[in-house]
């Protein structure tokens, strides 16, 4: 005999309900971070918003944990749970573009690769992330930092409306016109307020960009970081990109005898007129002698997916992050001490600029509060071998402890590790109390708690 309540769930949904006795169970419960090994009672592979409503009802009525999965990139593994229900939206990946209105509606399981493929056909884009396999939903709900942020704002700044299944199982549309309190909270408040089944975005004309990675010797990393800090402070807003530390992968444009060695680099992205790209990016080349580069005109989706190969599913992940109002000389000294010791080719450190258009949004206009921060730093520890966990986690933590005194108290919610729950109030500053009020209104029982949780 099967579980009667599980059979009722199966009767209610169009998608598959996968339980531990299913042949597909191990595949269905797997998320991007291989450190996460959880065993949910059911994975509901949602086919539509109705399936999401059914999964939410089933978890709430059964007193079960509920995890919502989109792209499954959550470093703490928030796309799954033990003994609970996973509402897996990864089959809901449709993207519909309205070129006349310059808008796009993406389903809750779409990735940025899905989104870019649809919008690029019309010469349009919005701010996405750095890896194209990242879910549109998770990135946007946490704020949404990417190559185009200085010119277009964060992903959440371009959000027009969202379809949401709230904790009572009801379907709601959140926008400036209806449920505006929920709409405010969704723009940076992460997955605390419901399961978003579709997102409607404002698009801008971005088809081809001029950019790519520029590698410098580690001995020049200080000049690169100081120079980037000065350039990006008042650069044209079409100029994006970020400085980083990275071990050179075996790519043709890098001298073969330098493969596997660490470098300082800048990944440049000029989203203005292509004929101005060479001059715009030259300011980065002039910072220090260039070892290698792969820079030129390319479709925007090509840059947005350029590093996907370094972040395949199945790596071990442990990350730390901080917002930085001023990239001081002391902060740079800490980066110079720790960045060159990046352990493997998959691991990296990125220092994303979030000024320009991001600063023109008031800190209380959305849940994303750090509108005065100039940079968002991520120490992204990623490696294939679990035997290296202890050493590589120590590298991430040591790096973070060295840079934290020169950074803000809070960090970007999408880069937080599972052991960062005590930083949630700091991440939202004075917006936190309002977020608690919205949480009480839409999820008083804290059904949506498998996240960086805002408790009601």
Protein backbone atom coordinates (compact mmCIF):
# COMPACT_ATOMS: atom_id res chain seq x y z
CA UNK A 1 0.00 0.00 0.00
CA UNK A 2 1.26 3.46 -0.85
CA UNK A 3 1.04 6.55 1.34
CA UNK A 4 -2.61 7.75 0.94
CA UNK A 5 -1.74 11.44 1.38
CA UNK A 6 1.08 11.12 -1.16
CA UNK A 7 -1.34 9.53 -3.60
CA UNK A 8 -3.69 12.48 -3.13
CA UNK A 9 -0.80 14.81 -3.92
CA UNK A 10 -0.07 12.83 -7.09
CA UNK A 11 -3.72 13.13 -8.10
CA UNK A 12 -3.60 16.89 -7.71
CA UNK A 13 -0.43 17.67 -9.69
CA UNK A 14 0.41 17.31 -13.35
CA UNK A 15 4.14 16.89 -12.78
CA UNK A 16 5.87 13.91 -11.19
CA UNK A 17 5.93 13.30 -7.45
CA UNK A 18 9.19 11.51 -6.68
CA UNK A 19 9.58 9.66 -3.38
CA UNK A 20 12.44 7.62 -1.86
CA UNK A 21 11.15 4.40 -3.47
CA UNK A 22 11.44 5.92 -6.97
CA UNK A 23 14.28 5.06 -9.36
CA UNK A 24 14.61 8.80 -10.09
CA UNK A 25 14.93 9.76 -6.42
CA UNK A 26 18.71 10.22 -6.17
CA UNK A 27 18.79 12.36 -9.26
CA UNK A 28 15.76 14.38 -8.12
CA UNK A 29 17.17 15.17 -4.67
CA UNK A 30 20.58 16.32 -5.95
CA UNK A 31 21.47 20.02 -5.94
CA UNK A 32 24.43 21.94 -7.35
CA UNK A 33 26.55 21.86 -4.18
CA UNK A 34 27.79 18.31 -3.65
CA UNK A 35 28.36 19.00 0.05
CA UNK A 36 24.58 18.91 0.43
CA UNK A 37 23.16 15.40 0.86
CA UNK A 38 19.54 15.63 1.96
CA UNK A 39 16.66 13.21 1.66
CA UNK A 40 13.27 14.85 1.17
CA UNK A 41 10.05 12.91 1.61
CA UNK A 42 8.89 14.07 -1.82
CA UNK A 43 10.19 16.05 -4.76
CA UNK A 44 7.33 17.62 -6.72
CA UNK A 45 8.51 18.36 -10.25
CA UNK A 46 6.08 21.20 -10.83
CA UNK A 47 4.67 21.68 -14.32
CA UNK A 48 2.70 24.86 -13.57
CA UNK A 49 1.59 27.23 -10.83
CA UNK A 50 -1.16 24.83 -9.80
CA UNK A 51 1.43 22.21 -8.98
CA UNK A 52 3.29 24.72 -6.85
CA UNK A 53 0.07 25.52 -4.99
CA UNK A 54 -0.47 21.81 -4.37
CA UNK A 55 3.07 21.33 -3.05
CA UNK A 56 2.71 24.33 -0.72
CA UNK A 57 -0.62 23.06 0.59
CA UNK A 58 0.75 19.55 1.11
CA UNK A 59 3.74 20.80 3.12
CA UNK A 60 1.68 23.20 5.22
CA UNK A 61 -1.12 20.74 5.98
CA UNK A 62 1.36 17.97 6.80
CA UNK A 63 3.58 20.15 8.99
CA UNK A 64 6.53 19.39 6.71
CA UNK A 65 9.54 21.46 5.76
CA UNK A 66 9.22 23.08 2.33
CA UNK A 67 12.11 23.86 0.00
CA UNK A 68 11.68 25.72 -3.28
CA UNK A 69 14.14 24.92 -6.06
CA UNK A 70 14.77 26.92 -9.21
CA UNK A 71 18.29 26.76 -10.62
CA UNK A 72 19.47 24.71 -7.58
CA UNK A 73 22.61 26.91 -7.26
CA UNK A 74 21.99 27.84 -3.61
CA UNK A 75 25.36 27.36 -1.90
CA UNK A 76 23.76 26.36 1.45
CA UNK A 77 21.55 23.88 -0.42
CA UNK A 78 18.27 25.65 0.23
CA UNK A 79 16.75 23.90 -2.79
CA UNK A 80 16.29 20.72 -0.77
CA UNK A 81 15.57 19.51 2.78
CA UNK A 82 15.41 16.39 4.90
CA UNK A 83 12.03 14.64 5.30
CA UNK A 84 10.11 17.51 3.74
CA UNK A 85 8.75 18.60 0.37
CA UNK A 86 10.77 20.06 -2.48
CA UNK A 87 8.78 22.19 -4.90
CA UNK A 88 11.08 21.74 -7.90
CA UNK A 89 10.37 24.46 -10.47
CA UNK A 90 13.25 23.47 -12.76
CA UNK A 91 10.84 22.16 -15.41
CA UNK A 92 9.11 25.56 -15.59
CA UNK A 93 11.62 27.33 -17.82
CA UNK A 94 9.57 29.22 -20.38
CA UNK A 95 10.47 32.82 -21.26
CA UNK A 96 8.11 35.03 -23.27
CA UNK A 97 9.41 38.33 -24.68
CA UNK A 98 7.23 41.30 -25.63
CA UNK A 99 9.62 43.30 -27.83
CA UNK A 100 7.17 46.17 -28.26
CA UNK A 101 6.87 46.78 -24.51
CA UNK A 102 10.47 45.69 -23.93
CA UNK A 103 9.46 43.21 -21.25
CA UNK A 104 9.98 39.51 -20.65
CA UNK A 105 8.18 37.05 -18.41
CA UNK A 106 10.25 34.13 -17.14
CA UNK A 107 8.87 31.10 -15.34
CA UNK A 108 10.20 30.33 -11.88
CA UNK A 109 12.60 27.59 -12.96
CA UNK A 110 14.22 29.49 -15.85
CA UNK A 111 17.97 30.02 -15.83
CA UNK A 112 19.74 33.11 -17.08
CA UNK A 113 20.82 31.06 -20.07
CA UNK A 114 17.16 30.47 -20.89
CA UNK A 115 16.38 34.14 -20.36
CA UNK A 116 19.29 35.46 -22.42
CA UNK A 117 18.55 33.11 -25.31
CA UNK A 118 15.01 34.44 -25.52
CA UNK A 119 15.75 38.15 -25.10
CA UNK A 120 18.92 38.26 -27.22
CA UNK A 121 16.88 37.38 -30.31
CA UNK A 122 15.33 40.84 -29.94
CA UNK A 123 18.55 42.68 -29.04
CA UNK A 124 17.37 43.08 -25.45
CA UNK A 125 18.63 42.11 -21.98
CA UNK A 126 18.38 42.86 -18.30
CA UNK A 127 20.89 42.46 -15.49
CA UNK A 128 21.58 38.75 -14.96
CA UNK A 129 24.35 37.02 -13.07
CA UNK A 130 27.85 35.86 -14.01
CA UNK A 131 27.03 32.17 -14.60
CA UNK A 132 24.25 31.37 -17.09
CA UNK A 133 23.12 28.19 -15.28
CA UNK A 134 22.09 30.28 -12.26
CA UNK A 135 18.33 30.45 -11.70
CA UNK A 136 16.54 33.68 -12.56
CA UNK A 137 14.43 33.33 -9.42
CA UNK A 138 17.08 32.90 -6.76
CA UNK A 139 19.31 35.62 -8.19
CA UNK A 140 16.51 38.16 -8.52
CA UNK A 141 14.95 37.52 -5.11
CA UNK A 142 18.32 38.18 -3.47
CA UNK A 143 18.88 41.39 -5.44
CA UNK A 144 20.64 40.35 -8.63
CA UNK A 145 24.22 41.53 -9.25
CA UNK A 146 25.70 41.10 -12.71
CA UNK A 147 27.68 42.60 -15.58
CA UNK A 148 25.01 45.17 -16.47
CA UNK A 149 24.23 46.39 -12.94
CA UNK A 150 26.10 49.72 -13.15
CA UNK A 151 24.04 50.75 -16.16
CA UNK A 152 20.70 49.01 -15.61
CA UNK A 153 20.55 48.47 -11.85
CA UNK A 154 20.12 45.15 -10.07
CA UNK A 155 17.91 42.39 -11.45
CA UNK A 156 15.30 43.24 -8.81
CA UNK A 157 15.35 46.89 -9.91
CA UNK A 158 14.13 45.72 -13.31
CA UNK A 159 11.35 43.54 -11.90
CA UNK A 160 7.87 44.76 -12.89
CA UNK A 161 5.74 42.08 -11.28
CA UNK A 162 5.86 38.58 -9.85
CA UNK A 163 3.37 35.72 -9.63
CA UNK A 164 3.64 34.27 -6.14
CA UNK A 165 2.20 31.29 -4.30
CA UNK A 166 2.10 32.34 -0.65
CA UNK A 167 2.08 30.14 2.43
CA UNK A 168 -1.72 29.81 2.44
CA UNK A 169 -1.52 28.19 -1.00
CA UNK A 170 -3.04 31.23 -2.69
CA UNK A 171 -1.83 32.62 -6.02
CA UNK A 172 -1.08 36.33 -5.90
CA UNK A 173 0.31 38.89 -8.31
CA UNK A 174 2.74 41.30 -6.66
CA UNK A 175 3.58 44.64 -8.27
CA UNK A 176 3.55 48.35 -7.50
CA UNK A 177 -0.24 48.25 -8.08
CA UNK A 178 -1.23 45.18 -6.05
CA UNK A 179 0.28 43.57 -2.98
CA UNK A 180 2.92 46.28 -3.12
CA UNK A 181 4.23 45.32 0.33
CA UNK A 182 4.94 41.81 -0.92
CA UNK A 183 6.48 43.21 -4.10
CA UNK A 184 8.79 45.40 -1.99
CA UNK A 185 9.91 42.41 0.07
CA UNK A 186 10.51 40.13 -2.92
CA UNK A 187 13.08 42.57 -4.30
CA UNK A 188 15.98 41.48 -2.13
CA UNK A 189 14.21 39.56 0.64
CA UNK A 190 15.10 36.20 -0.91
CA UNK A 191 12.74 33.20 -0.70
CA UNK A 192 11.07 34.16 2.57
CA UNK A 193 7.68 35.25 1.27
CA UNK A 194 6.48 32.62 -1.16
CA UNK A 195 7.26 30.54 -4.22
CA UNK A 196 7.52 32.81 -7.26
CA UNK A 197 6.17 31.03 -10.33
CA UNK A 198 7.00 33.79 -12.83
CA UNK A 199 8.88 37.07 -13.03
CA UNK A 200 8.16 39.99 -15.36
CA UNK A 201 11.19 42.14 -16.21
CA UNK A 202 11.88 45.43 -17.91
CA UNK A 203 14.37 44.98 -20.78
CA UNK A 204 16.93 47.35 -22.28
CA UNK A 205 18.72 47.39 -25.64
CA UNK A 206 21.85 45.25 -25.12
CA UNK A 207 22.78 42.87 -27.90
CA UNK A 208 26.57 42.77 -28.25
CA UNK A 209 29.13 43.86 -25.67
CA UNK A 210 32.88 44.46 -25.85
CA UNK A 211 34.77 42.65 -23.15
CA UNK A 212 36.28 39.51 -21.71
CA UNK A 213 39.05 38.51 -19.26
CA UNK A 214 42.41 40.32 -19.00
CA UNK A 215 45.12 38.51 -17.00
CA UNK A 216 47.92 40.21 -15.05
CA UNK A 217 50.83 38.86 -13.02
CA UNK A 218 50.18 38.58 -9.29
CA UNK A 219 52.98 41.07 -8.62
CA UNK A 220 50.79 43.72 -10.23
CA UNK A 221 47.58 42.78 -8.39
CA UNK A 222 47.83 45.80 -6.08
CA UNK A 223 48.08 48.17 -9.04
CA UNK A 224 45.13 46.39 -10.69
CA UNK A 225 42.88 46.64 -7.62
CA UNK A 226 43.79 50.24 -6.84
CA UNK A 227 43.39 51.21 -10.47
CA UNK A 228 40.03 49.48 -10.84
CA UNK A 229 38.82 51.22 -7.68
CA UNK A 230 39.64 54.63 -9.12
CA UNK A 231 38.38 53.95 -12.65
CA UNK A 232 35.03 52.46 -11.73
CA UNK A 233 34.13 55.21 -9.26
CA UNK A 234 33.08 57.57 -12.06
CA UNK A 235 33.38 55.50 -15.24
CA UNK A 236 30.56 55.64 -17.80
CA UNK A 237 27.78 53.38 -16.53
CA UNK A 238 27.98 51.19 -19.64
CA UNK A 239 31.35 49.96 -18.28
CA UNK A 240 30.99 46.92 -16.05
CA UNK A 241 33.07 43.94 -15.06
CA UNK A 242 35.09 43.12 -11.98
CA UNK A 243 38.60 42.37 -10.67
CA UNK A 244 39.31 38.82 -9.53
CA UNK A 245 41.85 36.21 -8.50
CA UNK A 246 41.80 33.05 -10.59
CA UNK A 247 43.97 30.05 -11.49
CA UNK A 248 44.42 29.98 -15.24
CA UNK A 249 42.39 27.24 -16.93
CA UNK A 250 43.85 25.45 -19.98
CA UNK A 251 42.49 27.89 -22.59
CA UNK A 252 44.15 28.63 -25.94
CA UNK A 253 44.63 32.37 -25.33
CA UNK A 254 46.70 31.71 -22.18
CA UNK A 255 50.33 30.61 -22.70
CA UNK A 256 50.45 26.86 -22.18
CA UNK A 257 53.28 27.07 -19.65
CA UNK A 258 51.09 29.33 -17.48
CA UNK A 259 48.11 26.99 -17.25
CA UNK A 260 47.35 26.14 -13.63
CA UNK A 261 49.03 29.25 -12.24
CA UNK A 262 47.20 31.98 -10.27
CA UNK A 263 46.66 35.42 -11.74
CA UNK A 264 45.09 38.73 -10.99
CA UNK A 265 42.52 39.61 -13.65
CA UNK A 266 39.79 41.95 -14.70
CA UNK A 267 36.74 40.70 -16.56
CA UNK A 268 35.57 43.69 -18.60
CA UNK A 269 32.13 44.37 -20.04
CA UNK A 270 31.39 47.47 -22.13
CA UNK A 271 27.68 47.59 -22.98
CA UNK A 272 27.75 50.89 -24.88
CA UNK A 273 28.37 51.47 -28.60
CA UNK A 274 30.67 48.71 -29.87
CA UNK A 275 32.92 51.14 -31.71
CA UNK A 276 33.74 52.72 -28.34
CA UNK A 277 34.54 49.41 -26.68
CA UNK A 278 38.26 49.24 -27.48
CA UNK A 279 38.87 52.66 -25.94
CA UNK A 280 36.60 52.00 -22.96
CA UNK A 281 38.38 48.78 -21.98
CA UNK A 282 41.87 50.14 -22.65
CA UNK A 283 41.82 51.83 -19.23
CA UNK A 284 42.01 48.37 -17.67
CA UNK A 285 44.79 47.17 -19.96
CA UNK A 286 46.85 50.23 -19.01
CA UNK A 287 46.90 49.31 -15.32
CA UNK A 288 49.72 46.76 -15.69
CA UNK A 289 51.47 44.58 -18.32
CA UNK A 290 48.95 42.13 -19.77
CA UNK A 291 49.90 38.43 -19.70
CA UNK A 292 46.93 37.24 -21.76
CA UNK A 293 43.47 38.38 -22.75
CA UNK A 294 40.40 37.24 -24.61
CA UNK A 295 38.70 40.57 -25.23
CA UNK A 296 36.57 41.76 -28.09
CA UNK A 297 33.02 42.15 -29.34
CA UNK A 298 30.70 39.26 -28.53
CA UNK A 299 27.01 38.60 -27.94
CA UNK A 300 26.10 39.47 -24.35
CA UNK A 301 24.97 35.85 -23.66
CA UNK A 302 28.47 34.64 -24.62
CA UNK A 303 30.05 36.64 -21.81
CA UNK A 304 27.28 35.68 -19.40
CA UNK A 305 28.07 31.99 -19.99
CA UNK A 306 31.85 32.23 -20.41
CA UNK A 307 32.67 30.79 -16.98
CA UNK A 308 30.00 28.08 -16.87
CA UNK A 309 32.55 25.36 -17.53
CA UNK A 310 34.34 26.22 -14.28
CA UNK A 311 31.17 25.74 -12.22
CA UNK A 312 29.70 22.36 -13.22
CA UNK A 313 27.26 20.54 -10.95
CA UNK A 314 28.85 18.34 -8.32
CA UNK A 315 31.54 20.62 -6.87
CA UNK A 316 31.98 21.23 -3.16
CA UNK A 317 30.93 24.81 -2.32
CA UNK A 318 31.65 27.11 0.61
CA UNK A 319 31.37 30.89 0.14
CA UNK A 320 31.66 34.10 2.16
CA UNK A 321 30.74 37.66 1.25
CA UNK A 322 30.68 41.29 2.34
CA UNK A 323 29.51 44.61 1.00
CA UNK A 324 32.28 47.20 0.72
CA UNK A 325 31.55 50.93 0.85
CA UNK A 326 35.20 51.83 0.29
CA UNK A 327 37.80 49.44 -1.13
CA UNK A 328 40.49 50.86 1.12
CA UNK A 329 44.22 50.27 0.88
CA UNK A 330 43.93 48.09 4.00
CA UNK A 331 41.23 45.99 2.31
CA UNK A 332 43.38 45.65 -0.78
CA UNK A 333 46.32 44.53 1.39
CA UNK A 334 44.12 41.74 2.80
CA UNK A 335 43.15 40.68 -0.74
CA UNK A 336 46.82 40.64 -1.76
CA UNK A 337 47.63 38.38 1.18
CA UNK A 338 44.90 35.80 0.55
CA UNK A 339 43.75 36.07 -3.08
CA UNK A 340 46.91 34.62 -4.66
CA UNK A 341 46.35 31.40 -2.66
CA UNK A 342 43.12 30.52 -4.45
CA UNK A 343 43.24 26.71 -4.11
CA UNK A 344 41.92 25.28 -7.41
CA UNK A 345 40.83 26.47 -10.84
CA UNK A 346 37.14 26.40 -9.86
CA UNK A 347 37.57 28.68 -6.84
CA UNK A 348 37.71 32.43 -7.29
CA UNK A 349 37.31 35.83 -5.70
CA UNK A 350 35.22 38.50 -7.43
CA UNK A 351 34.81 42.14 -6.40
CA UNK A 352 31.65 43.34 -8.14
CA UNK A 353 31.03 47.08 -8.54
CA UNK A 354 27.49 48.06 -7.57
CA UNK A 355 27.50 51.82 -8.00
CA UNK A 356 26.00 53.77 -10.91
CA UNK A 357 22.34 52.90 -11.45
CA UNK A 358 22.30 50.78 -8.28
CA UNK A 359 22.93 53.93 -6.22
CA UNK A 360 20.01 55.81 -7.75
CA UNK A 361 17.53 53.54 -5.93
CA UNK A 362 16.76 54.59 -2.36
CA UNK A 363 17.87 52.12 0.34
CA UNK A 364 14.27 51.68 1.50
CA UNK A 365 12.71 51.49 -1.98
CA UNK A 366 13.35 47.73 -2.10
CA UNK A 367 14.44 45.18 0.49
CA UNK A 368 18.01 45.41 -0.88
CA UNK A 369 19.43 47.93 1.59
CA UNK A 370 23.09 48.48 0.72
CA UNK A 371 22.58 51.18 -1.89
CA UNK A 372 25.66 53.04 -0.67
CA UNK A 373 28.01 50.07 -1.12
CA UNK A 374 30.51 50.44 -3.93
CA UNK A 375 31.36 46.75 -4.19
CA UNK A 376 30.05 43.29 -3.31
CA UNK A 377 32.87 40.86 -2.62
CA UNK A 378 32.49 37.10 -2.87
CA UNK A 379 35.07 34.53 -1.82
CA UNK A 380 33.71 31.60 -3.79
CA UNK A 381 35.30 28.37 -2.62
CA UNK A 382 34.52 25.62 -5.15
CA UNK A 383 36.48 22.39 -5.65
CA UNK A 384 35.86 18.83 -6.83
CA UNK A 385 37.39 16.66 -4.08
CA UNK A 386 35.65 16.31 -0.68
CA UNK A 387 39.03 15.37 0.78
CA UNK A 388 40.01 19.03 0.37
CA UNK A 389 37.02 20.38 2.31
CA UNK A 390 38.80 21.18 5.56
CA UNK A 391 41.73 22.99 3.94
CA UNK A 392 39.67 24.92 1.42
CA UNK A 393 36.98 25.97 3.89
CA UNK A 394 39.84 27.26 6.07
CA UNK A 395 41.10 29.32 3.11
CA UNK A 396 37.66 30.89 2.61
CA UNK A 397 37.21 31.63 6.31
CA UNK A 398 40.71 33.04 6.73
CA UNK A 399 40.24 35.28 3.71
CA UNK A 400 36.87 36.45 4.99
CA UNK A 401 38.21 37.17 8.48
CA UNK A 402 41.00 39.27 6.98
CA UNK A 403 38.71 41.38 4.79
CA UNK A 404 35.70 41.69 7.13
CA UNK A 405 37.18 44.46 9.32
CA UNK A 406 37.53 46.59 6.18
CA UNK A 407 34.00 45.85 4.94
CA UNK A 408 30.41 46.46 5.96
CA UNK A 409 28.74 44.24 8.53
CA UNK A 410 26.29 42.78 6.01
CA UNK A 411 26.79 40.94 2.76
CA UNK A 412 24.89 39.96 -0.38
CA UNK A 413 22.27 37.40 0.60
CA UNK A 414 22.90 35.23 -2.48
CA UNK A 415 26.53 34.68 -1.48
CA UNK A 416 25.85 33.70 2.13
CA UNK A 417 26.79 30.32 3.58
CA UNK A 418 24.55 28.23 5.83
CA UNK A 419 26.49 29.41 8.89
CA UNK A 420 25.65 33.08 8.14
CA UNK A 421 22.16 33.06 9.69
CA UNK A 422 23.35 35.40 12.46
CA UNK A 423 24.10 38.09 9.85
CA UNK A 424 20.58 38.39 8.43
CA UNK A 425 19.61 41.55 10.29
CA UNK A 426 22.89 43.17 9.22
CA UNK A 427 22.25 42.17 5.61
CA UNK A 428 19.01 44.17 5.58
CA UNK A 429 19.94 47.04 7.89
CA UNK A 430 16.92 49.24 8.70
CA UNK A 431 14.75 47.29 6.22
CA UNK A 432 14.77 44.25 8.50
CA UNK A 433 11.86 45.25 10.74
CA UNK A 434 9.66 46.01 7.73
CA UNK A 435 10.57 42.62 6.25
CA UNK A 436 9.43 40.97 9.49
CA UNK A 437 6.08 42.76 9.16
CA UNK A 438 5.62 41.50 5.60
CA UNK A 439 6.63 38.02 6.71
CA UNK A 440 3.97 38.11 9.42
CA UNK A 441 1.36 39.18 6.88
CA UNK A 442 2.10 36.51 4.26
CA UNK A 443 3.84 33.68 6.14
CA UNK A 444 3.06 33.93 9.87
CA UNK A 445 3.84 30.24 10.39
CA UNK A 446 7.25 30.55 8.67
CA UNK A 447 6.52 27.82 6.15
CA UNK A 448 9.15 29.37 3.89
CA UNK A 449 12.07 28.99 6.28
CA UNK A 450 14.51 26.90 4.22
CA UNK A 451 16.47 30.03 3.31
CA UNK A 452 18.41 32.84 4.95
CA UNK A 453 15.40 33.12 7.21
CA UNK A 454 13.55 36.23 8.30
CA UNK A 455 11.56 34.96 11.26
CA UNK A 456 8.02 36.29 11.75
